[in-house]
Amino acid sequence: MLGKENFRTLTIIANSRKYSNGTFEEIGHLVREIVSLAETCCTDGADPSCYDAGSTALSAKSCGADSPFPAHPGTAECCGHQGLERKLCLAALRHPPQPLPRYLQPSDRELCQAFQQDPREFADR
């Protein structure tokens, strides 16, 4: 069994690659929604329409003016569709790969402060 934390980590990786121009915070919002949907709908006794209803709500949130998810130039076109067509269109969006920026090594002090503030986010980054 994959488990919640491994699923969460794989979801971060997949969406970071898919939305390479997105900020960590935008990716984080999307990951939390996806993990929550999986937790709700992948349980024994979950309503058979759970995933469809949840993914429809997620696509509606993606199309909202105040969407916390990564922006993409194709989002507006996808949001002109309804139902499954909208969900498939949004799922197909990808940012073109970006060259990796040069890594600037934080100081030991900065690393320790970041870890103390939020160990989980520190590990994710």
Protein backbone atom coordinates (compact mmCIF):
# COMPACT_ATOMS: atom_id res chain seq x y z
CA MET A 1 0.00 0.00 0.00
CA LEU A 2 1.32 3.43 -0.94
CA GLY A 3 0.22 5.30 2.19
CA LYS A 4 -0.75 8.95 2.64
CA GLU A 5 2.75 10.43 2.98
CA ASN A 6 4.15 8.61 -0.05
CA PHE A 7 1.07 9.56 -2.07
CA ARG A 8 1.51 13.17 -0.96
CA THR A 9 5.20 13.17 -1.89
CA LEU A 10 4.51 11.66 -5.32
CA THR A 11 1.74 14.22 -5.86
CA ILE A 12 4.17 17.05 -5.05
CA ILE A 13 6.68 15.65 -7.53
CA ALA A 14 4.15 15.08 -10.31
CA ASN A 15 2.57 18.52 -9.98
CA SER A 16 5.91 20.30 -9.61
CA ARG A 17 6.92 18.78 -12.94
CA LYS A 18 3.55 19.47 -14.53
CA TYR A 19 3.44 23.10 -13.36
CA SER A 20 7.12 23.99 -13.47
CA ASN A 21 6.29 27.73 -13.39
CA GLY A 22 4.08 27.39 -10.32
CA THR A 23 5.23 28.52 -6.90
CA PHE A 24 5.72 26.05 -4.08
CA GLU A 25 2.68 27.56 -2.36
CA GLU A 26 0.48 27.11 -5.46
CA ILE A 27 1.63 23.51 -5.84
CA GLY A 28 1.01 23.00 -2.12
CA HIS A 29 -2.62 24.16 -2.44
CA LEU A 30 -3.20 21.74 -5.30
CA VAL A 31 -1.50 18.85 -3.49
CA ARG A 32 -3.60 19.40 -0.34
CA GLU A 33 -6.79 19.29 -2.43
CA ILE A 34 -5.73 16.13 -4.27
CA VAL A 35 -4.68 14.35 -1.06
CA SER A 36 -7.93 15.38 0.64
CA LEU A 37 -9.93 14.05 -2.31
CA ALA A 38 -8.05 10.74 -2.15
CA GLU A 39 -8.51 10.48 1.63
CA THR A 40 -12.24 11.09 1.28
CA CYS A 41 -12.96 8.93 -1.75
CA CYS A 42 -10.52 6.04 -1.37
CA THR A 43 -12.03 4.61 1.78
CA ASP A 44 -14.22 1.60 2.31
CA GLY A 45 -17.84 2.62 2.00
CA ALA A 46 -17.15 5.85 0.10
CA ASP A 47 -19.98 6.95 -2.15
CA PRO A 48 -19.34 5.70 -5.71
CA SER A 49 -19.83 9.25 -7.03
CA CYS A 50 -17.35 10.71 -4.51
CA TYR A 51 -14.41 11.07 -6.89
CA ASP A 52 -16.52 12.46 -9.74
CA ALA A 53 -18.14 15.04 -7.46
CA GLY A 54 -14.84 15.93 -5.81
CA SER A 55 -12.93 16.29 -9.06
CA THR A 56 -15.76 18.43 -10.48
CA ALA A 57 -15.49 20.73 -7.45
CA LEU A 58 -11.71 20.82 -7.87
CA SER A 59 -12.01 21.81 -11.54
CA ALA A 60 -14.54 24.53 -10.60
CA LYS A 61 -12.07 25.86 -8.02
CA SER A 62 -9.34 25.82 -10.69
CA CYS A 63 -11.56 28.03 -12.85
CA GLY A 64 -12.37 30.53 -10.11
CA ALA A 65 -10.95 34.05 -10.33
CA ASP A 66 -9.28 33.58 -6.95
CA SER A 67 -7.90 30.10 -7.66
CA PRO A 68 -4.92 29.31 -5.41
CA PHE A 69 -3.58 26.82 -7.97
CA PRO A 70 -0.79 27.38 -10.52
CA ALA A 71 -1.85 29.68 -13.36
CA HIS A 72 -1.64 28.42 -16.93
CA PRO A 73 -2.42 30.29 -20.17
CA GLY A 74 -4.73 27.45 -21.27
CA THR A 75 -6.88 27.49 -18.13
CA ALA A 76 -9.41 30.00 -19.47
CA GLU A 77 -10.03 27.90 -22.57
CA CYS A 78 -10.51 24.76 -20.48
CA CYS A 79 -12.89 26.60 -18.16
CA GLY A 80 -15.14 27.30 -21.15
CA HIS A 81 -15.95 23.58 -21.20
CA GLN A 82 -18.19 21.70 -18.78
CA GLY A 83 -18.08 18.38 -16.95
CA LEU A 84 -15.68 15.68 -18.08
CA GLU A 85 -14.44 17.75 -21.02
CA ARG A 86 -13.32 20.51 -18.60
CA LYS A 87 -11.62 18.05 -16.26
CA LEU A 88 -9.74 16.33 -19.09
CA CYS A 89 -8.68 19.67 -20.56
CA LEU A 90 -7.36 20.92 -17.20
CA ALA A 91 -5.60 17.60 -16.58
CA ALA A 92 -3.81 17.88 -19.93
CA LEU A 93 -2.32 21.33 -19.18
CA ARG A 94 1.44 21.38 -18.64
CA HIS A 95 3.99 24.15 -18.35
CA PRO A 96 6.96 23.74 -20.67
CA PRO A 97 10.02 22.50 -18.76
CA GLN A 98 12.18 25.28 -17.40
CA PRO A 99 15.95 25.17 -17.14
CA LEU A 100 16.98 24.47 -13.59
CA PRO A 101 18.15 27.61 -11.82
CA ARG A 102 21.51 27.56 -10.16
CA TYR A 103 21.12 26.32 -6.62
CA LEU A 104 22.16 28.82 -3.99
CA GLN A 105 23.14 26.95 -0.87
CA PRO A 106 21.49 28.52 2.18
CA SER A 107 23.65 29.10 5.22
CA ASP A 108 23.55 26.59 8.06
CA ARG A 109 21.67 29.16 10.14
CA GLU A 110 19.02 29.62 7.41
CA LEU A 111 18.61 25.85 7.10
CA CYS A 112 18.16 25.43 10.85
CA GLN A 113 15.65 28.29 11.03
CA ALA A 114 13.63 26.87 8.14
CA PHE A 115 13.60 23.44 9.79
CA GLN A 116 12.54 24.84 13.16
CA GLN A 117 9.71 26.87 11.61
CA ASP A 118 8.13 23.95 9.73
CA PRO A 119 9.96 20.59 9.59
CA ARG A 120 7.46 19.08 7.15
CA GLU A 121 7.67 21.93 4.63
CA PHE A 122 11.47 21.90 5.04
CA ALA A 123 11.52 18.24 4.01
CA ASP A 124 9.18 18.88 1.06
CA ARG A 125 11.31 21.67 -0.36
